[in-house]
Amino acid sequence: MIKEVIVVEGKNDVHAVKRAVDADCLTTGGFGLSSYSLAKIQQAYDKRGIIILTDPDSAGERIRSFLSQRFPEAKHAFVPKEDATAKNDVGIEQASGEAIRAALSKVRYLDFQPGHEFGLFDIMNSGLNGSHDSSTRRALVGAKLGIGYANAKTFLQRLNNYGVTRTEFEQALQELSDSI
C-alpha cells in the first residue's frame, strides 16, 4: 500500500488508480475545490502526505498549481498525455494501470529552493524548443524524467524545481536519440 494519499480530480480517476495500486485517494471535484475537499486534503497532507496526480491537460495543471501552493511539501506524479488519452478524452481515468504505476514510481518533490541548473540554452540546444518536433521531444523527455509534458517555459521550470539532475537530463536525451 502506498503511504501517501493520492489526490486526483474525480471519481473515475479514483477507480483507475485503485485498479492500478493499493492506495487511498481523495478527489478535488475539479477546479472548484470545496472547503470540505480542501479540509480532507489538508488532513491527509498533515498525517500521511499527499501525491498530486492530476490530468495532463490545462485544467489539471491549474489544479496542480493551486494545490502546490497550498501544500508545498506535496509529492507530484505525472502520467504522460499519450498514456492518458482514449476515446477523445484526456484524463487519469483513461490511463492504464501500467501508466499509473510508472508515474507513481517516478514521484517528484517540488523544491523549496528552486535550482538554476538548467537554462533556456539547455532547452534550445537539446531541441526541446524552437524546432518542428520540440513538443514531441519535450513530451518524451518529460515522460522519461517523470515531470510530464509542458510548454518550454513550464518544462524549464520543472527541470529546475523538481530536482532533475544534469545526469538524469542528459541520460533522457540520450535515450531519446537512441530510440529515434
C-alpha atoms as a PDB file:
ATOM      1  CA  MET A   1       0.000   0.000   0.000  1.00  0.00           C
ATOM      2  CA  ILE A   2       1.190   3.488  -0.833  1.00  0.00           C
ATOM      3  CA  LYS A   3       1.711   5.515   2.349  1.00  0.00           C
ATOM      4  CA  GLU A   4       0.623   8.874   0.928  1.00  0.00           C
ATOM      5  CA  VAL A   5      -2.901   9.717  -0.144  1.00  0.00           C
ATOM      6  CA  ILE A   6      -3.227  10.266  -3.885  1.00  0.00           C
ATOM      7  CA  VAL A   7      -5.139  13.406  -4.865  1.00  0.00           C
ATOM      8  CA  VAL A   8      -6.968  13.154  -8.194  1.00  0.00           C
ATOM      9  CA  GLU A   9      -9.655  15.204  -9.878  1.00  0.00           C
ATOM     10  CA  GLY A  10     -12.697  12.928  -9.959  1.00  0.00           C
ATOM     11  CA  LYS A  11     -14.341   9.634  -9.035  1.00  0.00           C
ATOM     12  CA  ASN A  12     -13.363   7.908 -12.279  1.00  0.00           C
ATOM     13  CA  ASP A  13      -9.734   8.813 -11.575  1.00  0.00           C
ATOM     14  CA  VAL A  14     -10.054   7.148  -8.157  1.00  0.00           C
ATOM     15  CA  HIS A  15     -11.300   3.949  -9.795  1.00  0.00           C
ATOM     16  CA  ALA A  16      -8.390   3.959 -12.270  1.00  0.00           C
ATOM     17  CA  VAL A  17      -5.813   4.488  -9.511  1.00  0.00           C
ATOM     18  CA  LYS A  18      -7.346   1.799  -7.284  1.00  0.00           C
ATOM     19  CA  ARG A  19      -7.267  -0.678 -10.187  1.00  0.00           C
ATOM     20  CA  ALA A  20      -3.545   0.068 -10.580  1.00  0.00           C
ATOM     21  CA  VAL A  21      -2.283   0.269  -6.975  1.00  0.00           C
ATOM     22  CA  ASP A  22      -3.325  -0.212  -3.384  1.00  0.00           C
ATOM     23  CA  ALA A  23      -3.777   3.368  -2.230  1.00  0.00           C
ATOM     24  CA  ASP A  24      -6.196   5.778  -0.618  1.00  0.00           C
ATOM     25  CA  CYS A  25      -7.426   8.590  -2.833  1.00  0.00           C
ATOM     26  CA  LEU A  26      -9.151  11.938  -2.461  1.00  0.00           C
ATOM     27  CA  THR A  27     -10.824  13.970  -5.179  1.00  0.00           C
ATOM     28  CA  THR A  28     -10.710  17.670  -5.842  1.00  0.00           C
ATOM     29  CA  GLY A  29     -14.015  17.652  -7.708  1.00  0.00           C
ATOM     30  CA  GLY A  30     -12.359  19.677 -10.453  1.00  0.00           C
ATOM     31  CA  PHE A  31     -11.053  23.193 -10.011  1.00  0.00           C
ATOM     32  CA  GLY A  32     -13.989  24.283  -7.855  1.00  0.00           C
ATOM     33  CA  LEU A  33     -12.434  22.825  -4.718  1.00  0.00           C
ATOM     34  CA  SER A  34     -14.908  22.951  -1.860  1.00  0.00           C
ATOM     35  CA  SER A  35     -13.844  23.829   1.667  1.00  0.00           C
ATOM     36  CA  TYR A  36     -14.773  20.243   2.626  1.00  0.00           C
ATOM     37  CA  SER A  37     -12.433  18.791  -0.041  1.00  0.00           C
ATOM     38  CA  LEU A  38      -9.628  21.129   0.977  1.00  0.00           C
ATOM     39  CA  ALA A  39     -10.068  20.175   4.639  1.00  0.00           C
ATOM     40  CA  LYS A  40      -9.861  16.454   3.773  1.00  0.00           C
ATOM     41  CA  ILE A  41      -6.755  17.041   1.647  1.00  0.00           C
ATOM     42  CA  GLN A  42      -5.221  19.098   4.475  1.00  0.00           C
ATOM     43  CA  GLN A  43      -5.809  16.241   6.933  1.00  0.00           C
ATOM     44  CA  ALA A  44      -4.184  13.750   4.590  1.00  0.00           C
ATOM     45  CA  TYR A  45      -1.281  16.132   3.940  1.00  0.00           C
ATOM     46  CA  ASP A  46      -0.670  16.610   7.662  1.00  0.00           C
ATOM     47  CA  LYS A  47      -0.965  12.936   8.625  1.00  0.00           C
ATOM     48  CA  ARG A  48       0.344  10.896   5.690  1.00  0.00           C
ATOM     49  CA  GLY A  49       1.464  13.228   2.933  1.00  0.00           C
ATOM     50  CA  ILE A  50      -0.128  13.536  -0.489  1.00  0.00           C
ATOM     51  CA  ILE A  51       0.781  12.771  -4.078  1.00  0.00           C
ATOM     52  CA  ILE A  52      -0.837  15.084  -6.615  1.00  0.00           C
ATOM     53  CA  LEU A  53      -1.853  13.148  -9.751  1.00  0.00           C
ATOM     54  CA  THR A  54      -3.949  15.433 -11.928  1.00  0.00           C
ATOM     55  CA  ASP A  55      -4.966  15.078 -15.560  1.00  0.00           C
ATOM     56  CA  PRO A  56      -2.314  16.020 -18.142  1.00  0.00           C
ATOM     57  CA  ASP A  57      -4.347  18.929 -19.507  1.00  0.00           C
ATOM     58  CA  SER A  58      -4.623  22.648 -18.800  1.00  0.00           C
ATOM     59  CA  ALA A  59      -7.311  22.215 -16.129  1.00  0.00           C
ATOM     60  CA  GLY A  60      -5.210  19.556 -14.388  1.00  0.00           C
ATOM     61  CA  GLU A  61      -2.190  21.859 -14.447  1.00  0.00           C
ATOM     62  CA  ARG A  62      -4.204  24.708 -12.886  1.00  0.00           C
ATOM     63  CA  ILE A  63      -5.374  22.379 -10.115  1.00  0.00           C
ATOM     64  CA  ARG A  64      -1.805  21.095  -9.598  1.00  0.00           C
ATOM     65  CA  SER A  65      -0.506  24.662  -9.371  1.00  0.00           C
ATOM     66  CA  PHE A  66      -3.160  25.638  -6.822  1.00  0.00           C
ATOM     67  CA  LEU A  67      -2.533  22.542  -4.693  1.00  0.00           C
ATOM     68  CA  SER A  68       1.253  23.024  -4.924  1.00  0.00           C
ATOM     69  CA  GLN A  69       0.963  26.492  -3.449  1.00  0.00           C
ATOM     70  CA  ARG A  70      -1.356  25.342  -0.682  1.00  0.00           C
ATOM     71  CA  PHE A  71       0.569  22.133   0.070  1.00  0.00           C
ATOM     72  CA  PRO A  72       4.223  22.921  -0.692  1.00  0.00           C
ATOM     73  CA  GLU A  73       5.617  19.597   0.545  1.00  0.00           C
ATOM     74  CA  ALA A  74       3.294  17.504  -1.620  1.00  0.00           C
ATOM     75  CA  LYS A  75       4.761  14.955  -3.986  1.00  0.00           C
ATOM     76  CA  HIS A  76       3.917  15.043  -7.692  1.00  0.00           C
ATOM     77  CA  ALA A  77       3.314  12.289 -10.232  1.00  0.00           C
ATOM     78  CA  PHE A  78       2.695  12.822 -13.935  1.00  0.00           C
ATOM     79  CA  VAL A  79       1.068  10.460 -16.432  1.00  0.00           C
ATOM     80  CA  PRO A  80       2.156  11.410 -19.977  1.00  0.00           C
ATOM     81  CA  LYS A  81      -0.676  12.765 -22.102  1.00  0.00           C
ATOM     82  CA  GLU A  82      -0.338  10.000 -24.699  1.00  0.00           C
ATOM     83  CA  ASP A  83      -0.763   7.405 -21.928  1.00  0.00           C
ATOM     84  CA  ALA A  84      -3.867   9.155 -20.572  1.00  0.00           C
ATOM     85  CA  THR A  85      -5.786   9.617 -23.814  1.00  0.00           C
ATOM     86  CA  ALA A  86      -8.594   7.394 -25.060  1.00  0.00           C
ATOM     87  CA  LYS A  87     -11.976   7.899 -26.698  1.00  0.00           C
ATOM     88  CA  ASN A  88     -11.080  11.548 -27.497  1.00  0.00           C
ATOM     89  CA  ASP A  89     -10.722  12.235 -23.777  1.00  0.00           C
ATOM     90  CA  VAL A  90      -7.662  13.047 -21.692  1.00  0.00           C
ATOM     91  CA  GLY A  91      -7.518  12.103 -18.037  1.00  0.00           C
ATOM     92  CA  ILE A  92      -6.166   9.795 -15.399  1.00  0.00           C
ATOM     93  CA  GLU A  93      -9.294   7.680 -15.795  1.00  0.00           C
ATOM     94  CA  GLN A  94      -8.138   6.899 -19.370  1.00  0.00           C
ATOM     95  CA  ALA A  95      -4.671   5.735 -18.263  1.00  0.00           C
ATOM     96  CA  SER A  96      -3.747   2.086 -17.979  1.00  0.00           C
ATOM     97  CA  GLY A  97      -2.724   0.583 -14.680  1.00  0.00           C
ATOM     98  CA  GLU A  98       0.802   0.269 -16.048  1.00  0.00           C
ATOM     99  CA  ALA A  99       0.942   4.006 -16.899  1.00  0.00           C
ATOM    100  CA  ILE A 100      -0.310   4.941 -13.425  1.00  0.00           C
ATOM    101  CA  ARG A 101       2.200   2.641 -11.727  1.00  0.00           C
ATOM    102  CA  ALA A 102       5.000   4.076 -13.899  1.00  0.00           C
ATOM    103  CA  ALA A 103       4.017   7.642 -12.944  1.00  0.00           C
ATOM    104  CA  LEU A 104       3.905   6.754  -9.243  1.00  0.00           C
ATOM    105  CA  SER A 105       7.335   5.128  -9.498  1.00  0.00           C
ATOM    106  CA  LYS A 106       8.789   8.494 -10.616  1.00  0.00           C
ATOM    107  CA  VAL A 107       7.294  10.722  -7.923  1.00  0.00           C
ATOM    108  CA  ARG A 108       8.998  14.113  -7.624  1.00  0.00           C
ATOM    109  CA  TYR A 109       9.123  16.813  -4.958  1.00  0.00           C
ATOM    110  CA  LEU A 110       8.718  20.489  -5.710  1.00  0.00           C
ATOM    111  CA  ASP A 111      11.875  22.021  -4.246  1.00  0.00           C
ATOM    112  CA  PHE A 112      11.555  24.899  -1.791  1.00  0.00           C
ATOM    113  CA  GLN A 113      14.722  26.403  -3.219  1.00  0.00           C
ATOM    114  CA  PRO A 114      14.373  26.089  -6.992  1.00  0.00           C
ATOM    115  CA  GLY A 115      17.617  25.233  -8.693  1.00  0.00           C
ATOM    116  CA  HIS A 116      19.236  27.044 -11.558  1.00  0.00           C
ATOM    117  CA  GLU A 117      20.887  24.014 -13.117  1.00  0.00           C
ATOM    118  CA  PHE A 118      19.111  24.477 -16.435  1.00  0.00           C
ATOM    119  CA  GLY A 119      18.626  27.492 -18.632  1.00  0.00           C
ATOM    120  CA  LEU A 120      16.979  28.367 -21.917  1.00  0.00           C
ATOM    121  CA  PHE A 121      20.201  27.382 -23.689  1.00  0.00           C
ATOM    122  CA  ASP A 122      19.754  23.788 -22.480  1.00  0.00           C
ATOM    123  CA  ILE A 123      16.202  23.673 -23.806  1.00  0.00           C
ATOM    124  CA  MET A 124      17.137  25.190 -27.154  1.00  0.00           C
ATOM    125  CA  ASN A 125      20.381  23.222 -27.587  1.00  0.00           C
ATOM    126  CA  SER A 126      18.632  19.896 -26.925  1.00  0.00           C
ATOM    127  CA  GLY A 127      15.855  20.529 -29.441  1.00  0.00           C
ATOM    128  CA  LEU A 128      13.170  20.913 -26.774  1.00  0.00           C
ATOM    129  CA  ASN A 129      12.200  24.336 -28.109  1.00  0.00           C
ATOM    130  CA  GLY A 130      12.470  26.049 -31.472  1.00  0.00           C
ATOM    131  CA  SER A 131      12.258  23.051 -33.797  1.00  0.00           C
ATOM    132  CA  HIS A 132       9.380  21.377 -35.585  1.00  0.00           C
ATOM    133  CA  ASP A 133       9.310  18.385 -33.227  1.00  0.00           C
ATOM    134  CA  SER A 134      10.072  20.213 -29.947  1.00  0.00           C
ATOM    135  CA  SER A 135       6.670  19.500 -28.444  1.00  0.00           C
ATOM    136  CA  THR A 136       7.018  15.774 -29.077  1.00  0.00           C
ATOM    137  CA  ARG A 137      10.580  15.752 -27.755  1.00  0.00           C
ATOM    138  CA  ARG A 138       9.513  17.554 -24.537  1.00  0.00           C
ATOM    139  CA  ALA A 139       6.701  15.045 -24.039  1.00  0.00           C
ATOM    140  CA  LEU A 140       9.079  12.094 -24.415  1.00  0.00           C
ATOM    141  CA  VAL A 141      11.828  13.564 -22.213  1.00  0.00           C
ATOM    142  CA  GLY A 142       9.224  14.656 -19.639  1.00  0.00           C
ATOM    143  CA  ALA A 143       7.879  11.105 -19.505  1.00  0.00           C
ATOM    144  CA  LYS A 144      11.370   9.670 -19.012  1.00  0.00           C
ATOM    145  CA  LEU A 145      12.119  12.163 -16.219  1.00  0.00           C
ATOM    146  CA  GLY A 146       8.710  11.840 -14.560  1.00  0.00           C
ATOM    147  CA  ILE A 147       7.891  15.547 -14.896  1.00  0.00           C
ATOM    148  CA  GLY A 148       5.189  15.301 -17.555  1.00  0.00           C
ATOM    149  CA  TYR A 149       4.542  17.328 -20.681  1.00  0.00           C
ATOM    150  CA  ALA A 150       4.668  21.108 -20.613  1.00  0.00           C
ATOM    151  CA  ASN A 151       5.369  24.062 -22.868  1.00  0.00           C
ATOM    152  CA  ALA A 152       9.029  25.123 -22.997  1.00  0.00           C
ATOM    153  CA  LYS A 153       8.792  27.707 -20.204  1.00  0.00           C
ATOM    154  CA  THR A 154       6.997  25.378 -17.796  1.00  0.00           C
ATOM    155  CA  PHE A 155       9.264  22.481 -18.775  1.00  0.00           C
ATOM    156  CA  LEU A 156      12.315  24.562 -17.843  1.00  0.00           C
ATOM    157  CA  GLN A 157      10.700  25.442 -14.502  1.00  0.00           C
ATOM    158  CA  ARG A 158      10.001  21.767 -13.818  1.00  0.00           C
ATOM    159  CA  LEU A 159      13.583  20.809 -14.629  1.00  0.00           C
ATOM    160  CA  ASN A 160      14.799  23.319 -12.066  1.00  0.00           C
ATOM    161  CA  ASN A 161      12.026  22.870  -9.479  1.00  0.00           C
ATOM    162  CA  TYR A 162      11.581  19.088  -9.350  1.00  0.00           C
ATOM    163  CA  GLY A 163      15.184  18.154  -8.592  1.00  0.00           C
ATOM    164  CA  VAL A 164      16.163  16.850 -12.017  1.00  0.00           C
ATOM    165  CA  THR A 165      19.926  16.420 -12.197  1.00  0.00           C
ATOM    166  CA  ARG A 166      22.122  17.167 -15.189  1.00  0.00           C
ATOM    167  CA  THR A 167      22.942  13.455 -15.417  1.00  0.00           C
ATOM    168  CA  GLU A 168      19.256  12.453 -15.490  1.00  0.00           C
ATOM    169  CA  PHE A 169      18.554  15.093 -18.146  1.00  0.00           C
ATOM    170  CA  GLU A 170      21.430  14.013 -20.370  1.00  0.00           C
ATOM    171  CA  GLN A 171      20.518  10.346 -19.958  1.00  0.00           C
ATOM    172  CA  ALA A 172      16.909  11.059 -21.001  1.00  0.00           C
ATOM    173  CA  LEU A 173      18.150  12.972 -24.048  1.00  0.00           C
ATOM    174  CA  GLN A 174      20.499  10.104 -24.944  1.00  0.00           C
ATOM    175  CA  GLU A 175      17.675   7.539 -24.608  1.00  0.00           C
ATOM    176  CA  LEU A 176      15.533   9.742 -26.836  1.00  0.00           C
ATOM    177  CA  SER A 177      18.188   9.995 -29.527  1.00  0.00           C
ATOM    178  CA  ASP A 178      18.852   6.218 -29.310  1.00  0.00           C
ATOM    179  CA  SER A 179      15.153   5.494 -29.883  1.00  0.00           C
ATOM    180  CA  ILE A 180      14.851   7.727 -32.937  1.00  0.00           C
END
